[in-house]
Amino acid sequence: MLIQLDLNQNDLEALLRHCQTHKPGTGDAREDQRLADALEALEEALEVANTAR
């Protein structure tokens, strides 16, 4: 899936920090793992995009 975001540097850094620090706590272990995996994928994409600037 391709998602395009138009973020300024401050917003990118804030979202990146959130991806790095948020710990899912839905009470459903499978859902928590899916969310953790999604946040990790988003973090990696943000870091790649940030180095490409």
N, C-alpha and C. Protein backbone atom coordinates (compact mmCIF):
# COMPACT_ATOMS: atom_id res chain seq x y z
N MET A 1 0.85 -1.17 0.00
CA MET A 1 0.00 0.00 0.00
C MET A 1 0.90 1.24 0.00
N LEU A 2 0.52 2.19 -0.78
CA LEU A 2 1.27 3.44 -0.85
C LEU A 2 0.41 4.54 -0.26
N ILE A 3 0.96 5.23 0.72
CA ILE A 3 0.29 6.37 1.34
C ILE A 3 1.25 7.55 1.24
N GLN A 4 0.75 8.66 0.77
CA GLN A 4 1.58 9.85 0.64
C GLN A 4 1.13 10.88 1.67
N LEU A 5 2.09 11.39 2.44
CA LEU A 5 1.81 12.41 3.45
C LEU A 5 2.60 13.67 3.13
N ASP A 6 1.99 14.80 3.36
CA ASP A 6 2.67 16.08 3.19
C ASP A 6 2.84 16.67 4.58
N LEU A 7 3.97 16.39 5.22
CA LEU A 7 4.22 16.82 6.60
C LEU A 7 5.36 17.82 6.65
N ASN A 8 5.23 18.81 7.51
CA ASN A 8 6.39 19.66 7.75
C ASN A 8 7.32 18.91 8.70
N GLN A 9 8.52 19.40 8.87
CA GLN A 9 9.54 18.69 9.66
C GLN A 9 9.09 18.49 11.12
N ASN A 10 8.48 19.50 11.71
CA ASN A 10 8.03 19.37 13.10
C ASN A 10 6.98 18.28 13.25
N ASP A 11 6.03 18.23 12.34
CA ASP A 11 4.99 17.20 12.39
C ASP A 11 5.58 15.81 12.16
N LEU A 12 6.50 15.71 11.22
CA LEU A 12 7.16 14.43 10.96
C LEU A 12 7.88 13.94 12.21
N GLU A 13 8.61 14.82 12.86
CA GLU A 13 9.35 14.43 14.06
C GLU A 13 8.41 14.05 15.20
N ALA A 14 7.29 14.76 15.34
CA ALA A 14 6.32 14.43 16.39
C ALA A 14 5.70 13.06 16.14
N LEU A 15 5.34 12.78 14.90
CA LEU A 15 4.76 11.49 14.55
C LEU A 15 5.78 10.37 14.74
N LEU A 16 7.01 10.63 14.38
CA LEU A 16 8.08 9.66 14.57
C LEU A 16 8.29 9.35 16.05
N ARG A 17 8.29 10.37 16.89
CA ARG A 17 8.43 10.15 18.34
C ARG A 17 7.27 9.31 18.87
N HIS A 18 6.07 9.58 18.39
CA HIS A 18 4.91 8.82 18.83
C HIS A 18 5.06 7.34 18.43
N CYS A 19 5.49 7.10 17.22
CA CYS A 19 5.70 5.72 16.77
C CYS A 19 6.71 5.00 17.64
N GLN A 20 7.72 5.71 18.08
CA GLN A 20 8.79 5.11 18.87
C GLN A 20 8.39 4.87 20.32
N THR A 21 7.46 5.62 20.85
CA THR A 21 7.16 5.54 22.28
C THR A 21 5.81 4.94 22.62
N HIS A 22 4.87 4.92 21.68
CA HIS A 22 3.53 4.43 21.99
C HIS A 22 3.55 2.92 22.21
N LYS A 23 2.94 2.47 23.29
CA LYS A 23 2.81 1.05 23.60
C LYS A 23 1.32 0.70 23.56
N PRO A 24 0.90 -0.08 22.56
CA PRO A 24 -0.51 -0.44 22.45
C PRO A 24 -1.00 -1.15 23.72
N GLY A 25 -2.19 -0.85 24.13
CA GLY A 25 -2.76 -1.47 25.31
C GLY A 25 -4.26 -1.65 25.17
N THR A 26 -4.68 -2.35 24.11
CA THR A 26 -6.10 -2.52 23.86
C THR A 26 -6.71 -3.61 24.72
N GLY A 27 -5.88 -4.46 25.29
CA GLY A 27 -6.37 -5.60 26.04
C GLY A 27 -6.47 -6.86 25.19
N ASP A 28 -6.25 -6.71 23.89
CA ASP A 28 -6.27 -7.84 22.96
C ASP A 28 -4.84 -8.00 22.42
N ALA A 29 -4.18 -9.07 22.80
CA ALA A 29 -2.77 -9.26 22.44
C ALA A 29 -2.55 -9.24 20.93
N ARG A 30 -3.45 -9.85 20.17
CA ARG A 30 -3.28 -9.86 18.71
C ARG A 30 -3.44 -8.47 18.12
N GLU A 31 -4.43 -7.73 18.61
CA GLU A 31 -4.63 -6.36 18.13
C GLU A 31 -3.45 -5.47 18.52
N ASP A 32 -2.95 -5.64 19.74
CA ASP A 32 -1.77 -4.87 20.18
C ASP A 32 -0.58 -5.16 19.28
N GLN A 33 -0.38 -6.42 18.90
CA GLN A 33 0.75 -6.76 18.04
C GLN A 33 0.57 -6.17 16.65
N ARG A 34 -0.65 -6.21 16.12
CA ARG A 34 -0.90 -5.61 14.80
C ARG A 34 -0.61 -4.11 14.84
N LEU A 35 -1.05 -3.45 15.90
CA LEU A 35 -0.81 -2.01 16.02
C LEU A 35 0.68 -1.73 16.18
N ALA A 36 1.37 -2.52 16.98
CA ALA A 36 2.82 -2.34 17.14
C ALA A 36 3.53 -2.54 15.81
N ASP A 37 3.12 -3.54 15.04
CA ASP A 37 3.73 -3.78 13.72
C ASP A 37 3.47 -2.61 12.78
N ALA A 38 2.25 -2.09 12.80
CA ALA A 38 1.90 -0.96 11.93
C ALA A 38 2.70 0.28 12.31
N LEU A 39 2.85 0.54 13.60
CA LEU A 39 3.63 1.69 14.04
C LEU A 39 5.10 1.54 13.67
N GLU A 40 5.61 0.32 13.73
CA GLU A 40 7.00 0.08 13.33
C GLU A 40 7.18 0.33 11.83
N ALA A 41 6.23 -0.12 11.03
CA ALA A 41 6.31 0.12 9.58
C ALA A 41 6.23 1.61 9.28
N LEU A 42 5.35 2.31 9.98
CA LEU A 42 5.24 3.76 9.78
C LEU A 42 6.53 4.45 10.20
N GLU A 43 7.10 4.04 11.32
CA GLU A 43 8.37 4.63 11.78
C GLU A 43 9.46 4.46 10.72
N GLU A 44 9.57 3.25 10.17
CA GLU A 44 10.59 2.99 9.16
C GLU A 44 10.37 3.86 7.92
N ALA A 45 9.12 3.99 7.49
CA ALA A 45 8.82 4.81 6.31
C ALA A 45 9.12 6.28 6.57
N LEU A 46 8.80 6.76 7.78
CA LEU A 46 9.09 8.15 8.12
C LEU A 46 10.59 8.42 8.14
N GLU A 47 11.35 7.47 8.68
CA GLU A 47 12.80 7.65 8.73
C GLU A 47 13.40 7.68 7.33
N VAL A 48 12.92 6.80 6.44
CA VAL A 48 13.39 6.79 5.05
C VAL A 48 13.05 8.11 4.37
N ALA A 49 11.82 8.55 4.55
CA ALA A 49 11.39 9.82 3.95
C ALA A 49 12.18 11.00 4.48
N ASN A 50 12.51 10.94 5.75
CA ASN A 50 13.24 12.05 6.37
C ASN A 50 14.67 12.13 5.86
N THR A 51 15.28 10.99 5.58
CA THR A 51 16.66 11.01 5.05
C THR A 51 16.69 11.40 3.58
N ALA A 52 15.56 11.23 2.89
CA ALA A 52 15.50 11.56 1.47
C ALA A 52 15.28 13.05 1.24
N ARG A 53 14.99 13.80 2.27
CA ARG A 53 14.72 15.25 2.11
C ARG A 53 15.97 16.00 1.79
